[in-house]
N, C-alpha and C. Protein backbone atom coordinates (compact mmCIF):
# COMPACT_ATOMS: atom_id res chain seq x y z
N TYR A 1 88.52 -8.69 16.18
CA TYR A 1 88.67 -9.88 16.66
C TYR A 1 87.59 -10.23 17.63
N ILE A 2 86.29 -10.24 16.97
CA ILE A 2 85.04 -10.47 17.83
C ILE A 2 84.22 -11.33 16.98
N SER A 3 83.62 -12.39 17.77
CA SER A 3 82.68 -13.24 16.80
C SER A 3 81.46 -12.50 16.63
N HIS A 4 80.78 -13.27 15.54
CA HIS A 4 79.27 -12.61 15.24
C HIS A 4 78.59 -12.56 16.40
N SER A 5 78.34 -13.58 17.18
CA SER A 5 77.34 -13.46 18.27
C SER A 5 77.75 -12.43 19.29
N GLN A 6 78.96 -12.23 19.44
CA GLN A 6 79.37 -11.30 20.60
C GLN A 6 78.94 -9.87 19.90
N LEU A 7 79.22 -9.73 18.81
CA LEU A 7 78.73 -8.33 18.05
C LEU A 7 77.35 -8.17 18.12
N CYS A 8 76.61 -9.25 17.92
CA CYS A 8 75.13 -9.10 18.31
C CYS A 8 74.84 -8.68 19.45
N ARG A 9 75.27 -9.26 20.58
CA ARG A 9 74.83 -9.07 21.93
C ARG A 9 75.43 -7.76 22.29
N LEU A 10 76.70 -7.17 21.57
CA LEU A 10 76.98 -5.90 22.14
C LEU A 10 75.94 -4.58 21.53
N PHE A 11 75.46 -5.05 20.37
CA PHE A 11 74.48 -4.11 19.39
C PHE A 11 73.27 -4.04 20.42
N LYS A 12 72.83 -5.36 20.72
CA LYS A 12 71.56 -5.23 21.50
C LYS A 12 71.60 -4.59 22.90
N GLU A 13 72.81 -4.78 23.36
CA GLU A 13 73.12 -4.15 24.70
C GLU A 13 73.24 -2.53 24.62
N TYR A 14 74.05 -1.99 23.75
CA TYR A 14 74.14 -0.60 23.71
C TYR A 14 73.20 0.14 22.63
N LEU A 15 72.81 -0.49 21.84
CA LEU A 15 72.00 0.33 20.70
C LEU A 15 70.50 -0.16 20.55
N HIS A 16 70.33 -1.35 21.10
CA HIS A 16 68.94 -1.96 21.38
C HIS A 16 68.44 -2.24 20.20
N THR A 17 69.35 -2.76 19.15
CA THR A 17 68.76 -3.17 17.82
C THR A 17 69.83 -4.33 17.30
N SER A 18 69.49 -4.97 16.33
CA SER A 18 70.47 -5.77 15.50
C SER A 18 71.32 -5.09 14.61
N PRO A 19 72.65 -5.70 14.34
CA PRO A 19 73.37 -4.97 13.21
C PRO A 19 72.64 -4.73 11.97
N LYS A 20 71.93 -5.77 11.59
CA LYS A 20 71.21 -5.75 10.39
C LYS A 20 70.33 -4.45 10.33
N LEU A 21 69.29 -4.38 11.27
CA LEU A 21 68.43 -3.45 11.40
C LEU A 21 69.14 -1.94 11.55
N TYR A 22 70.12 -1.84 12.22
CA TYR A 22 70.89 -0.66 12.38
C TYR A 22 71.44 -0.10 10.79
N LEU A 23 72.04 -1.12 10.31
CA LEU A 23 72.40 -0.69 8.87
C LEU A 23 71.19 -0.34 8.17
N GLU A 24 70.17 -1.00 8.15
CA GLU A 24 69.07 -0.95 7.26
C GLU A 24 68.66 0.52 7.49
N THR A 25 68.72 1.02 8.73
CA THR A 25 68.10 2.30 9.25
C THR A 25 69.14 3.39 8.74
N LYS A 26 70.12 3.20 8.79
CA LYS A 26 71.23 4.16 8.36
C LYS A 26 71.10 4.30 6.88
N ARG A 27 70.95 3.24 6.16
CA ARG A 27 70.88 3.17 4.63
C ARG A 27 69.64 3.88 4.05
N LEU A 28 68.52 3.60 4.92
CA LEU A 28 67.21 4.27 4.65
C LEU A 28 67.35 5.72 4.84
N ALA A 29 67.97 6.14 5.90
CA ALA A 29 67.98 7.66 6.21
C ALA A 29 68.94 8.45 5.25
N ASN A 30 69.92 7.68 4.80
CA ASN A 30 70.49 8.10 3.76
C ASN A 30 69.94 8.34 2.39
N ALA A 31 69.07 7.37 2.13
CA ALA A 31 68.36 7.21 0.82
C ALA A 31 67.41 8.65 1.03
N LYS A 32 66.82 8.78 2.15
CA LYS A 32 65.83 9.94 2.08
C LYS A 32 66.56 11.23 1.83
N ILE A 33 67.76 11.52 2.50
CA ILE A 33 68.64 12.74 2.09
C ILE A 33 68.91 12.67 0.71
N LEU A 34 69.32 11.85 0.24
CA LEU A 34 69.63 11.79 -1.26
C LEU A 34 68.48 12.06 -1.97
N LEU A 35 67.24 11.76 -1.73
CA LEU A 35 65.94 11.98 -2.36
C LEU A 35 65.64 13.41 -2.14
N LYS A 36 65.64 13.72 -1.19
CA LYS A 36 65.52 15.41 -0.81
C LYS A 36 66.45 16.17 -1.62
N ASN A 37 67.64 15.77 -1.71
CA ASN A 37 68.72 16.50 -2.72
C ASN A 37 68.26 16.37 -4.17
N GLY A 38 67.34 15.75 -4.39
CA GLY A 38 67.05 15.58 -6.12
C GLY A 38 67.37 14.32 -6.77
N LYS A 39 68.01 13.32 -6.13
CA LYS A 39 68.57 12.17 -6.87
C LYS A 39 67.41 11.42 -7.19
N LYS A 40 67.60 10.56 -8.28
CA LYS A 40 66.52 9.62 -8.64
C LYS A 40 66.32 8.47 -7.74
N VAL A 41 65.40 7.80 -7.75
CA VAL A 41 65.12 6.87 -6.84
C VAL A 41 66.24 5.53 -6.99
N ILE A 42 66.38 5.26 -8.20
CA ILE A 42 67.55 4.22 -8.28
C ILE A 42 68.91 4.49 -8.04
N ASP A 43 69.34 5.87 -8.24
CA ASP A 43 70.53 6.28 -7.52
C ASP A 43 70.63 6.34 -6.18
N ALA A 44 69.43 6.74 -5.42
CA ALA A 44 69.61 6.84 -3.91
C ALA A 44 69.49 5.33 -3.54
N CYS A 45 68.95 4.52 -4.10
CA CYS A 45 69.00 3.26 -3.74
C CYS A 45 70.60 2.67 -3.85
N ILE A 46 71.21 2.70 -5.04
CA ILE A 46 72.53 2.29 -5.31
C ILE A 46 73.56 3.07 -4.22
N GLU A 47 73.33 4.27 -4.08
CA GLU A 47 74.51 4.92 -3.20
C GLU A 47 74.25 4.66 -1.86
N SER A 48 73.11 4.48 -1.65
CA SER A 48 72.69 3.96 -0.17
C SER A 48 73.11 2.64 0.32
N GLY A 49 73.45 1.94 -0.71
CA GLY A 49 74.15 0.46 -0.64
C GLY A 49 73.08 -0.60 -0.54
N PHE A 50 72.22 -0.31 -1.09
CA PHE A 50 71.00 -1.54 -1.45
C PHE A 50 71.43 -2.13 -2.65
N PRO A 51 71.58 -3.55 -2.38
CA PRO A 51 71.95 -4.31 -3.78
C PRO A 51 70.83 -4.56 -4.55
N ASP A 52 69.71 -4.45 -3.99
CA ASP A 52 68.38 -5.11 -4.75
C ASP A 52 67.37 -3.81 -4.68
N TYR A 53 66.95 -3.32 -5.96
CA TYR A 53 66.08 -2.28 -5.89
C TYR A 53 64.64 -2.52 -5.44
N SER A 54 64.11 -3.63 -5.72
CA SER A 54 62.84 -4.13 -5.31
C SER A 54 62.77 -4.37 -3.75
N ASN A 55 63.92 -4.79 -3.17
CA ASN A 55 63.87 -4.87 -1.86
C ASN A 55 63.91 -3.51 -1.12
N PHE A 56 64.70 -2.52 -1.78
CA PHE A 56 64.69 -1.07 -1.34
C PHE A 56 63.32 -0.53 -1.28
N ILE A 57 62.76 -0.72 -2.32
CA ILE A 57 61.34 -0.14 -2.32
C ILE A 57 60.42 -0.73 -1.38
N ARG A 58 60.44 -2.03 -1.01
CA ARG A 58 59.67 -2.72 -0.03
C ARG A 58 60.10 -2.10 1.40
N LEU A 59 61.50 -1.98 1.66
CA LEU A 59 61.85 -1.68 2.94
C LEU A 59 61.40 -0.17 3.18
N PHE A 60 61.56 0.80 2.22
CA PHE A 60 61.20 1.94 2.41
C PHE A 60 59.66 2.17 2.65
N LYS A 61 59.02 1.67 2.05
CA LYS A 61 57.52 1.49 2.22
C LYS A 61 57.10 1.21 3.39
N ASN A 62 57.81 -0.10 3.76
CA ASN A 62 57.19 -0.54 5.26
C ASN A 62 57.68 0.41 6.35
N ARG A 63 58.83 1.01 6.27
CA ARG A 63 59.38 1.67 7.28
C ARG A 63 58.59 3.08 7.35
N PHE A 64 58.30 3.79 6.02
CA PHE A 64 57.83 5.19 6.02
C PHE A 64 56.42 5.21 5.51
N GLY A 65 55.90 4.13 5.03
CA GLY A 65 54.48 4.11 4.66
C GLY A 65 54.18 4.48 3.33
N ILE A 66 55.07 5.03 2.59
CA ILE A 66 55.19 5.49 1.23
C ILE A 66 56.29 4.95 0.33
N THR A 67 56.06 5.03 -0.87
CA THR A 67 57.35 4.56 -1.79
C THR A 67 58.32 5.60 -1.72
N PRO A 68 59.35 5.35 -2.11
CA PRO A 68 60.46 6.38 -2.53
C PRO A 68 60.16 7.52 -3.38
N ASN A 69 59.48 7.04 -4.40
CA ASN A 69 58.90 8.00 -5.38
C ASN A 69 57.89 8.98 -4.95
N GLN A 70 56.75 8.28 -4.16
CA GLN A 70 55.76 9.22 -3.31
C GLN A 70 56.65 10.21 -2.30
N TYR A 71 57.62 9.72 -1.77
CA TYR A 71 58.26 10.46 -0.98
C TYR A 71 59.00 11.81 -1.52
N LYS A 72 59.73 11.28 -2.80
CA LYS A 72 60.23 12.43 -3.54
C LYS A 72 59.28 13.38 -3.97
N LYS A 73 58.21 12.94 -4.53
CA LYS A 73 57.08 13.77 -5.29
C LYS A 73 56.49 14.74 -4.08
N SER A 74 56.59 14.25 -2.71
CA SER A 74 55.86 15.07 -1.61
C SER A 74 56.74 16.15 -1.26
N LEU A 75 57.96 16.24 -1.60
CA LEU A 75 58.94 17.33 -1.17
C LEU A 75 58.76 18.52 -1.70
C-alpha cells in the first residue's frame, strides 16, 4: 500500500539509487555469477530476468566495459 513515487523516494533515501537501477544491478550481478558457473550467455540473460537479449548485452558492456561473452572467456 505504497505509491510509486513514495517507493522511489524511499529507495533514494535509503539505498541512494532508483528501483530500476537497483534491480538492474542485482540482475547483472546474478548474470556474472551464472557466467562464472559456466552458463551460456543467453541462459544467464534469461535466468537473470532480462527480457531482451540485446539490451542485456548493452547493459552488461556499459556497466563492466566488456561483453558477457568476453567476460566468460576471461575466467
